[in-house]
C-alpha atoms as a PDB file:
ATOM      1  CA  MET A   1     -15.240 -14.058 -25.771  1.00  0.00           C
ATOM      2  CA  ALA A   2     -13.490 -11.718 -23.728  1.00  0.00           C
ATOM      3  CA  VAL A   3     -10.738 -12.847 -21.742  1.00  0.00           C
ATOM      4  CA  LYS A   4     -10.228 -10.892 -18.040  1.00  0.00           C
ATOM      5  CA  GLN A   5      -6.551 -10.520 -17.081  1.00  0.00           C
ATOM      6  CA  LEU A   6      -5.551 -10.448 -13.794  1.00  0.00           C
ATOM      7  CA  ARG A   7      -4.420  -8.474 -11.798  1.00  0.00           C
ATOM      8  CA  LYS A   8      -1.253  -9.252  -8.686  1.00  0.00           C
ATOM      9  CA  ILE A   9      -2.103  -7.637  -5.625  1.00  0.00           C
ATOM     10  CA  TYR A  10       0.848  -6.494  -3.094  1.00  0.00           C
ATOM     11  CA  GLN A  11       0.733  -7.065   0.627  1.00  0.00           C
ATOM     12  CA  LEU A  12       3.153  -4.456   2.209  1.00  0.00           C
ATOM     13  CA  LYS A  13       3.943  -3.957   5.228  1.00  0.00           C
ATOM     14  CA  VAL A  14       5.026   0.122   6.205  1.00  0.00           C
ATOM     15  CA  THR A  15       7.123   0.993   9.511  1.00  0.00           C
ATOM     16  CA  LEU A  16       7.276   4.267  10.969  1.00  0.00           C
ATOM     17  CA  GLU A  17      11.195   3.960  11.307  1.00  0.00           C
ATOM     18  CA  GLY A  18      12.168   5.148  14.378  1.00  0.00           C
ATOM     19  CA  SER A  19       8.891   4.776  16.746  1.00  0.00           C
ATOM     20  CA  LYS A  20       8.822   3.267  19.950  1.00  0.00           C
ATOM     21  CA  PRO A  21       6.958   1.093  20.221  1.00  0.00           C
ATOM     22  CA  PRO A  22       7.002   0.440  16.203  1.00  0.00           C
ATOM     23  CA  ILE A  23       4.255   2.273  13.951  1.00  0.00           C
ATOM     24  CA  TRP A  24       3.098   0.211  11.371  1.00  0.00           C
ATOM     25  CA  ARG A  25       0.229  -0.708   8.624  1.00  0.00           C
ATOM     26  CA  ARG A  26      -0.332  -3.090   5.941  1.00  0.00           C
ATOM     27  CA  ILE A  27      -1.535  -2.524   3.119  1.00  0.00           C
ATOM     28  CA  LEU A  28      -2.753  -4.112   0.027  1.00  0.00           C
ATOM     29  CA  VAL A  29      -2.149  -2.530  -3.624  1.00  0.00           C
ATOM     30  CA  PRO A  30      -2.781  -3.189  -6.777  1.00  0.00           C
ATOM     31  CA  SER A  31       0.313  -4.171  -8.858  1.00  0.00           C
ATOM     32  CA  THR A  32      -0.808  -1.666 -11.735  1.00  0.00           C
ATOM     33  CA  MET A  33      -1.047   1.423  -9.253  1.00  0.00           C
ATOM     34  CA  THR A  34       1.450   4.104 -10.763  1.00  0.00           C
ATOM     35  CA  LEU A  35       4.128   5.837  -7.839  1.00  0.00           C
ATOM     36  CA  PRO A  36       2.209   9.078  -7.710  1.00  0.00           C
ATOM     37  CA  LYS A  37      -0.905   7.263  -6.219  1.00  0.00           C
ATOM     38  CA  PHE A  38       1.081   5.042  -4.164  1.00  0.00           C
ATOM     39  CA  HIS A  39       2.613   8.174  -2.598  1.00  0.00           C
ATOM     40  CA  ASP A  40      -0.872   9.480  -1.880  1.00  0.00           C
ATOM     41  CA  VAL A  41      -1.651   5.310  -0.585  1.00  0.00           C
ATOM     42  CA  LEU A  42       0.531   6.316   1.665  1.00  0.00           C
ATOM     43  CA  GLN A  43       0.415   9.466   2.900  1.00  0.00           C
ATOM     44  CA  ILE A  44      -3.220   8.579   3.696  1.00  0.00           C
ATOM     45  CA  THR A  45      -2.162   5.435   5.809  1.00  0.00           C
ATOM     46  CA  ARG A  46      -0.149   7.600   7.851  1.00  0.00           C
ATOM     47  CA  TYR A  47      -2.526   8.968   9.323  1.00  0.00           C
ATOM     48  CA  CYS A  48      -5.299   6.120  10.342  1.00  0.00           C
ATOM     49  CA  ARG A  49      -5.700   5.065  13.190  1.00  0.00           C
END
């Protein structure tokens, strides 16, 4: 019987510094995400409305 390993999901609030009113995004990322992939996610969410 195969055992499925659970992975953690982190909820992050990313805020654009110095913006008035505050501009922020809440994103969910898996604990297994690499730093380069996380960078890609930040770049994508930066332009979402």
